Amino acid sequence: MRTQLQTTRVLFDTFNKKKLTYCSWKSNEHLEHGLNGESDLDILVSERDKELCKEILYRNNFKQLVSPSWMHYPLVEDWIGLDQETGKLIHVHLHYELPTGKKLVKEQLLPWTDKILKTRIFDDNFGVYVINPNFELITLVLRIGIKARFTKVRSKFPENIIKEINYLRERSKRKKVLSLCRELFGDKEGEKLANIILNIKTRISLSDFLYLKKNIQKNIAQYKRFNFLKTNLLYYYRALKIRFFKLINKTFFQHKTKKRLYSSGIMIAFVGIDGSGKSTATDRLYNWLSVYLNVRKIYFGWNNSFVSGLKKIKKNVFKGSGKQKTSNTESTFRQGFLFYCFAIFLALSKYRKLKNAYRLRNSGNVILADRYPTNRTSFGSSDGPMIDEKYVTNFLTRTFFTLENKIYRSIREKYDPDVVIRLNISPSEAIKRKPNHNISDLNKKHKILNCADFGNSKVVNVDSTKDLETLLLKIKNILWKMI
């Protein structure tokens, strides 16, 4: 039985109701996959209906994306939507022209947009207009011929291409293919092209390849964007650029190698006590969004064993009454100095991370923060200032205290997240997930988190006691409205 996501059904029903001139112009052999969010949807739209199409997409909560310069082609747009029932993303590749050719360049335009839209047919199974299968078979073979390299001639096509050719051949009619080819290329060349198309199976012969390159392309040469030299120079330039950026992304540099949001980006922070599912949610949402978008994940916590060591230092330096020890032993002084220095280092590290994250966010990227700095003292949680004013007894400690608060004040004034997802769970439930944690620490963190101030951020409370998939689906729907 054929299936379709609710979001794509509503979208194409709206297209039809508004009498939008469109069709799915390629890869209709697996149209069902596209309508279920498992592959891209390549939709051709008349440029006259461009604004209407964009309005419909916006109303259906689709977001426009911007591709990097080496993946951007004229009159082609990327849109992404969310299916609220399943949490699947739907990628619509919107075409107002039909660029094809060498990867990363697409130097050739196919000049038959109006003819394709005029001869489109309606697929009753999905309620979607699709390209006439006779026309789709012609454009598929032409795209293969235009893209094919001399070194790959007579190589067997990939299995997906063979499957698509067979699918279209079953749905095409010899007379219709011949008639279309003659209309597009003239009687003599059209008949020759029709014979190539109808007889092609698992590979392209050398003679057919040369014919497509020489005789057919000359008929559409005036629609070529770049000549042979510029096409190859652009290809190698962009290929090297991609390799370079992938390399530097493995270091501390971060460059945008995927698509970004058309408007400014968004910063989303996940907060909650240990065991609430912050890291799991952040990781899963990162994997979900990073398929299409530039996403940066930031972790504001620290290694548990390292924090445990600092707790021991604190116990050696401070009494439970809140007064500083009077002992002036060298060991105590060193430990106290180490504690204060680490507090400043931790605050500066957060400030630097947020500064870089906001720069990326303002460029249209999505930032996912696991934990977020607050304005509450919470030693060991690494979520707020670590120096308590009750331990400030002299000029040196006062200097450290003032400096740390100044850094956190700058964070609060400049770098509020757009959205804070507060994962609510009781300490008694959290300890079941994290049995190695201390219940008193969880109770303390729970109280601190409930009082935390996130400035102008939109705070959304989510019950994290539910099963993971239900929790993730709810968060996805919340985030999609915020983006």
Foldseek 3Di string as FASTA:
>chain_A
DQDAFPLLLVLLVVCVVVVWQKAQEAPPVVVSCLRHQNDAGEMEGAPVCVVVSVVSCVVSLKFWWAWPPLQDDPQWTWIWDARLVQRHIHIYTYHNWAFAAEPSFSQFTDPCSVVQSVQWDADPVRRGTHGQLLVRLLVLVLRCLRHDDPVCAPPFDPPVSLSRLVVSLVRDDLVVNLVVLCVQQNNPLSNVSSVQSNPDHGGHHPVRSVCSVPPVVVSRVVRGRDDPVVRVVSVVVVVVVLVVQVVCCVDPDHDWNAIFTPAFAFEEEEDEFAQLCLVVLLVVVCVNPVVGFAEAEAELFDDLVVLVVLVVLCVLQPPPVLEGDPDPDPVNVVSVVVSLVVLLVSLVVLLVVQVVVVVNRRVGHYYYYRAAAFDDAQRSGSRYRPQDPSHDDDDVSVVSVVSSNVSVVCCLVPGQGQEYEYRDDQLVVSCVSVVVDDSVSNVVVRVCVVVTDRHPHHYDYDHSVDDPSVRSSVVSVVVSVSD
